[in-house]
Amino acid sequence: MMYWDDGGMNGWGIGMMTVSMLLFWALVVLGVIALVRYLGRTAPHGPAVSPPPAAPPPARPTPEQLLAERLARGEIDPDEYRARLATLHGGVGDPPASG
């Protein structure tokens, strides 16, 4: 008995081999992409921790508080303190005491 194709592959065999090879390489490429994405997602130094919320800025002192601080530091005398405080509250201020 004589074989015409000598035991070789026909068109279907070559086609199936080509499709299976393409599927194999597609799975390899997709596996590498999935691995890179997985490793890129995990932080190398542990999980990311969000910083604590910032403290609100300190409240600004009122003008009266600033005047009191200047008086306490000795920058102004009590008469000047009273005159400036009266000016802040809408008064004209006491004239300097003579005598």
N, C-alpha and C. Protein backbone atom coordinates (compact mmCIF):
# COMPACT_ATOMS: atom_id res chain seq x y z
N MET A 1 0.83 -1.16 0.00
CA MET A 1 0.00 0.00 0.00
C MET A 1 0.89 1.24 0.00
N MET A 2 0.50 2.25 -0.71
CA MET A 2 1.32 3.43 -0.88
C MET A 2 0.59 4.64 -0.33
N TYR A 3 1.31 5.47 0.47
CA TYR A 3 0.73 6.68 1.05
C TYR A 3 1.14 7.86 0.20
N TRP A 4 0.13 8.63 -0.18
CA TRP A 4 0.40 9.74 -1.05
C TRP A 4 1.10 10.90 -0.34
N ASP A 5 0.74 11.13 0.93
CA ASP A 5 1.33 12.27 1.62
C ASP A 5 2.48 11.82 2.52
N ASP A 6 2.82 10.58 2.49
CA ASP A 6 3.97 10.05 3.21
C ASP A 6 3.89 10.30 4.72
N GLY A 7 2.67 10.32 5.30
CA GLY A 7 2.50 10.50 6.73
C GLY A 7 2.60 11.93 7.18
N GLY A 8 2.65 12.88 6.26
CA GLY A 8 2.77 14.30 6.62
C GLY A 8 1.43 14.91 7.00
N MET A 9 1.44 16.19 7.38
CA MET A 9 0.22 16.87 7.80
C MET A 9 -0.51 17.41 6.58
N ASN A 10 -1.82 17.44 6.71
CA ASN A 10 -2.61 18.06 5.66
C ASN A 10 -2.91 19.51 6.06
N GLY A 11 -3.75 20.22 5.36
CA GLY A 11 -4.06 21.62 5.62
C GLY A 11 -4.65 21.85 7.00
N TRP A 12 -5.52 20.93 7.47
CA TRP A 12 -6.12 21.08 8.80
C TRP A 12 -5.07 20.97 9.89
N GLY A 13 -4.14 20.10 9.77
CA GLY A 13 -3.10 19.93 10.78
C GLY A 13 -2.23 21.16 10.90
N ILE A 14 -1.86 21.74 9.77
CA ILE A 14 -1.03 22.95 9.79
C ILE A 14 -1.83 24.11 10.38
N GLY A 15 -3.10 24.21 10.03
CA GLY A 15 -3.95 25.28 10.56
C GLY A 15 -4.13 25.18 12.07
N MET A 16 -4.38 23.97 12.57
CA MET A 16 -4.55 23.77 14.01
C MET A 16 -3.24 24.03 14.77
N MET A 17 -2.13 23.66 14.18
CA MET A 17 -0.85 23.91 14.82
C MET A 17 -0.60 25.42 14.90
N THR A 18 -0.94 26.17 13.87
CA THR A 18 -0.75 27.61 13.86
C THR A 18 -1.64 28.28 14.92
N VAL A 19 -2.90 27.87 14.97
CA VAL A 19 -3.84 28.45 15.95
C VAL A 19 -3.39 28.13 17.37
N SER A 20 -2.97 26.89 17.62
CA SER A 20 -2.55 26.52 18.97
C SER A 20 -1.28 27.27 19.37
N MET A 21 -0.37 27.51 18.44
CA MET A 21 0.85 28.25 18.76
C MET A 21 0.51 29.71 19.07
N LEU A 22 -0.41 30.32 18.31
CA LEU A 22 -0.83 31.68 18.58
C LEU A 22 -1.51 31.79 19.95
N LEU A 23 -2.35 30.84 20.28
CA LEU A 23 -3.01 30.83 21.59
C LEU A 23 -1.98 30.68 22.72
N PHE A 24 -1.00 29.83 22.52
CA PHE A 24 0.03 29.63 23.53
C PHE A 24 0.77 30.93 23.81
N TRP A 25 1.23 31.62 22.75
CA TRP A 25 1.99 32.85 22.95
C TRP A 25 1.10 33.98 23.49
N ALA A 26 -0.17 34.01 23.10
CA ALA A 26 -1.08 35.00 23.66
C ALA A 26 -1.25 34.79 25.17
N LEU A 27 -1.36 33.55 25.62
CA LEU A 27 -1.47 33.26 27.04
C LEU A 27 -0.19 33.64 27.78
N VAL A 28 0.96 33.39 27.17
CA VAL A 28 2.23 33.76 27.81
C VAL A 28 2.31 35.28 27.98
N VAL A 29 1.98 36.03 26.91
CA VAL A 29 2.05 37.49 26.98
C VAL A 29 1.05 38.02 28.01
N LEU A 30 -0.18 37.51 28.02
CA LEU A 30 -1.17 37.96 28.99
C LEU A 30 -0.74 37.62 30.42
N GLY A 31 -0.11 36.48 30.62
CA GLY A 31 0.38 36.12 31.95
C GLY A 31 1.47 37.07 32.43
N VAL A 32 2.38 37.45 31.52
CA VAL A 32 3.44 38.39 31.90
C VAL A 32 2.83 39.76 32.22
N ILE A 33 1.87 40.21 31.43
CA ILE A 33 1.23 41.50 31.70
C ILE A 33 0.50 41.48 33.04
N ALA A 34 -0.22 40.40 33.32
CA ALA A 34 -0.92 40.30 34.60
C ALA A 34 0.06 40.28 35.77
N LEU A 35 1.17 39.60 35.62
CA LEU A 35 2.18 39.54 36.69
C LEU A 35 2.80 40.92 36.94
N VAL A 36 3.12 41.64 35.87
CA VAL A 36 3.71 42.97 36.01
C VAL A 36 2.71 43.92 36.68
N ARG A 37 1.46 43.85 36.28
CA ARG A 37 0.45 44.72 36.89
C ARG A 37 0.25 44.37 38.36
N TYR A 38 0.26 43.11 38.70
CA TYR A 38 0.09 42.69 40.10
C TYR A 38 1.26 43.15 40.95
N LEU A 39 2.48 42.97 40.44
CA LEU A 39 3.66 43.37 41.20
C LEU A 39 3.78 44.89 41.28
N GLY A 40 3.32 45.60 40.27
CA GLY A 40 3.37 47.05 40.28
C GLY A 40 2.35 47.66 41.23
N ARG A 41 1.28 46.93 41.51
CA ARG A 41 0.24 47.44 42.39
C ARG A 41 0.63 47.35 43.85
N THR A 42 1.38 46.35 44.24
CA THR A 42 1.78 46.21 45.64
C THR A 42 2.98 47.10 45.90
N ALA A 43 2.93 47.83 46.98
CA ALA A 43 4.02 48.76 47.32
C ALA A 43 5.22 47.98 47.82
N PRO A 44 6.44 48.33 47.38
CA PRO A 44 7.62 47.60 47.83
C PRO A 44 7.95 47.84 49.30
N HIS A 45 7.47 48.95 49.88
CA HIS A 45 7.81 49.28 51.26
C HIS A 45 6.60 49.11 52.18
N GLY A 46 5.70 48.26 51.85
CA GLY A 46 4.52 48.06 52.69
C GLY A 46 3.35 48.85 52.15
N PRO A 47 2.23 48.72 52.79
CA PRO A 47 1.03 49.42 52.30
C PRO A 47 1.16 50.92 52.48
N ALA A 48 0.56 51.64 51.56
CA ALA A 48 0.62 53.11 51.62
C ALA A 48 -0.27 53.58 52.77
N VAL A 49 0.26 54.48 53.56
CA VAL A 49 -0.48 55.03 54.69
C VAL A 49 -0.72 56.50 54.41
N SER A 50 -1.97 56.91 54.52
CA SER A 50 -2.26 58.32 54.27
C SER A 50 -1.78 59.14 55.46
N PRO A 51 -1.26 60.33 55.19
CA PRO A 51 -0.76 61.17 56.29
C PRO A 51 -1.91 61.62 57.16
N PRO A 52 -1.64 61.89 58.43
CA PRO A 52 -2.72 62.36 59.30
C PRO A 52 -3.19 63.72 58.85
N PRO A 53 -4.44 64.05 59.14
CA PRO A 53 -4.94 65.36 58.70
C PRO A 53 -4.18 66.48 59.38
N ALA A 54 -3.98 67.54 58.63
CA ALA A 54 -3.22 68.68 59.15
C ALA A 54 -4.03 69.40 60.23
N ALA A 55 -3.33 69.89 61.22
CA ALA A 55 -3.99 70.64 62.29
C ALA A 55 -4.45 71.98 61.74
N PRO A 56 -5.59 72.46 62.21
CA PRO A 56 -6.05 73.76 61.72
C PRO A 56 -5.09 74.85 62.18
N PRO A 57 -4.97 75.91 61.39
CA PRO A 57 -4.05 76.98 61.79
C PRO A 57 -4.54 77.62 63.08
N PRO A 58 -3.61 78.12 63.89
CA PRO A 58 -4.02 78.73 65.15
C PRO A 58 -4.85 79.98 64.90
N ALA A 59 -5.78 80.23 65.80
CA ALA A 59 -6.66 81.39 65.66
C ALA A 59 -5.84 82.67 65.83
N ARG A 60 -6.16 83.67 65.04
CA ARG A 60 -5.44 84.95 65.14
C ARG A 60 -5.94 85.68 66.37
N PRO A 61 -5.02 86.32 67.10
CA PRO A 61 -5.45 87.06 68.30
C PRO A 61 -6.23 88.31 67.90
N THR A 62 -7.14 88.70 68.77
CA THR A 62 -7.93 89.91 68.53
C THR A 62 -7.06 91.13 68.80
N PRO A 63 -7.46 92.29 68.32
CA PRO A 63 -6.68 93.51 68.60
C PRO A 63 -6.53 93.78 70.10
N GLU A 64 -7.58 93.47 70.86
CA GLU A 64 -7.50 93.68 72.30
C GLU A 64 -6.44 92.77 72.92
N GLN A 65 -6.38 91.53 72.42
CA GLN A 65 -5.37 90.59 72.94
C GLN A 65 -3.96 91.07 72.58
N LEU A 66 -3.80 91.62 71.39
CA LEU A 66 -2.49 92.13 70.99
C LEU A 66 -2.06 93.30 71.88
N LEU A 67 -3.03 94.19 72.16
CA LEU A 67 -2.71 95.31 73.04
C LEU A 67 -2.31 94.83 74.43
N ALA A 68 -3.06 93.83 74.95
CA ALA A 68 -2.75 93.30 76.27
C ALA A 68 -1.36 92.65 76.28
N GLU A 69 -1.00 91.97 75.21
CA GLU A 69 0.33 91.36 75.14
C GLU A 69 1.42 92.43 75.11
N ARG A 70 1.20 93.51 74.38
CA ARG A 70 2.19 94.59 74.32
C ARG A 70 2.35 95.24 75.70
N LEU A 71 1.24 95.39 76.42
CA LEU A 71 1.30 95.95 77.76
C LEU A 71 2.07 95.01 78.68
N ALA A 72 1.80 93.69 78.55
CA ALA A 72 2.47 92.70 79.40
C ALA A 72 3.98 92.66 79.11
N ARG A 73 4.38 92.87 77.86
CA ARG A 73 5.80 92.86 77.53
C ARG A 73 6.49 94.17 77.88
N GLY A 74 5.71 95.19 78.25
CA GLY A 74 6.29 96.47 78.61
C GLY A 74 6.54 97.38 77.42
N GLU A 75 5.97 97.06 76.26
CA GLU A 75 6.17 97.90 75.07
C GLU A 75 5.37 99.20 75.18
N ILE A 76 4.23 99.14 75.86
CA ILE A 76 3.42 100.35 76.07
C ILE A 76 3.10 100.45 77.55
N ASP A 77 2.80 101.67 77.99
CA ASP A 77 2.46 101.86 79.40
C ASP A 77 0.94 101.76 79.56
N PRO A 78 0.44 101.68 80.80
CA PRO A 78 -1.01 101.52 81.01
C PRO A 78 -1.84 102.67 80.43
N ASP A 79 -1.33 103.90 80.46
CA ASP A 79 -2.10 105.02 79.89
C ASP A 79 -2.25 104.86 78.39
N GLU A 80 -1.17 104.48 77.70
CA GLU A 80 -1.24 104.28 76.25
C GLU A 80 -2.15 103.09 75.93
N TYR A 81 -2.11 102.07 76.79
CA TYR A 81 -2.99 100.89 76.60
C TYR A 81 -4.45 101.32 76.65
N ARG A 82 -4.83 102.11 77.67
CA ARG A 82 -6.22 102.54 77.81
C ARG A 82 -6.63 103.43 76.63
N ALA A 83 -5.73 104.32 76.20
CA ALA A 83 -6.06 105.20 75.07
C ALA A 83 -6.26 104.40 73.78
N ARG A 84 -5.40 103.46 73.54
CA ARG A 84 -5.54 102.65 72.31
C ARG A 84 -6.76 101.74 72.39
N LEU A 85 -7.06 101.22 73.56
CA LEU A 85 -8.23 100.37 73.73
C LEU A 85 -9.50 101.17 73.50
N ALA A 86 -9.52 102.42 74.02
CA ALA A 86 -10.68 103.29 73.80
C ALA A 86 -10.83 103.60 72.31
N THR A 87 -9.73 103.80 71.61
CA THR A 87 -9.78 104.06 70.17
C THR A 87 -10.34 102.84 69.43
N LEU A 88 -9.93 101.66 69.85
CA LEU A 88 -10.44 100.45 69.22
C LEU A 88 -11.95 100.32 69.40
N HIS A 89 -12.44 100.74 70.55
CA HIS A 89 -13.87 100.59 70.84
C HIS A 89 -14.69 101.76 70.35
N GLY A 90 -14.07 102.65 69.60
CA GLY A 90 -14.82 103.74 68.96
C GLY A 90 -14.70 105.06 69.68
N GLY A 91 -14.03 105.11 70.79
CA GLY A 91 -13.85 106.37 71.49
C GLY A 91 -12.66 107.12 70.91
N VAL A 92 -12.48 108.33 71.32
CA VAL A 92 -11.38 109.14 70.86
C VAL A 92 -10.13 108.84 71.65
N GLY A 93 -10.29 108.31 72.80
CA GLY A 93 -9.14 108.03 73.66
C GLY A 93 -8.99 109.15 74.68
N ASP A 94 -8.42 108.83 75.79
CA ASP A 94 -8.21 109.82 76.84
C ASP A 94 -7.00 110.66 76.48
N PRO A 95 -7.10 111.97 76.69
CA PRO A 95 -5.91 112.79 76.45
C PRO A 95 -4.86 112.46 77.50
N PRO A 96 -3.60 112.59 77.16
CA PRO A 96 -2.56 112.27 78.12
C PRO A 96 -2.71 113.14 79.36
N ALA A 97 -2.55 112.53 80.52
CA ALA A 97 -2.67 113.24 81.79
C ALA A 97 -1.48 114.16 82.00
N SER A 98 -1.77 115.38 82.34
CA SER A 98 -0.66 116.28 82.59
C SER A 98 -0.46 116.42 84.10
N GLY A 99 0.74 116.40 84.47
CA GLY A 99 0.98 116.72 85.83
C GLY A 99 1.51 115.76 86.69
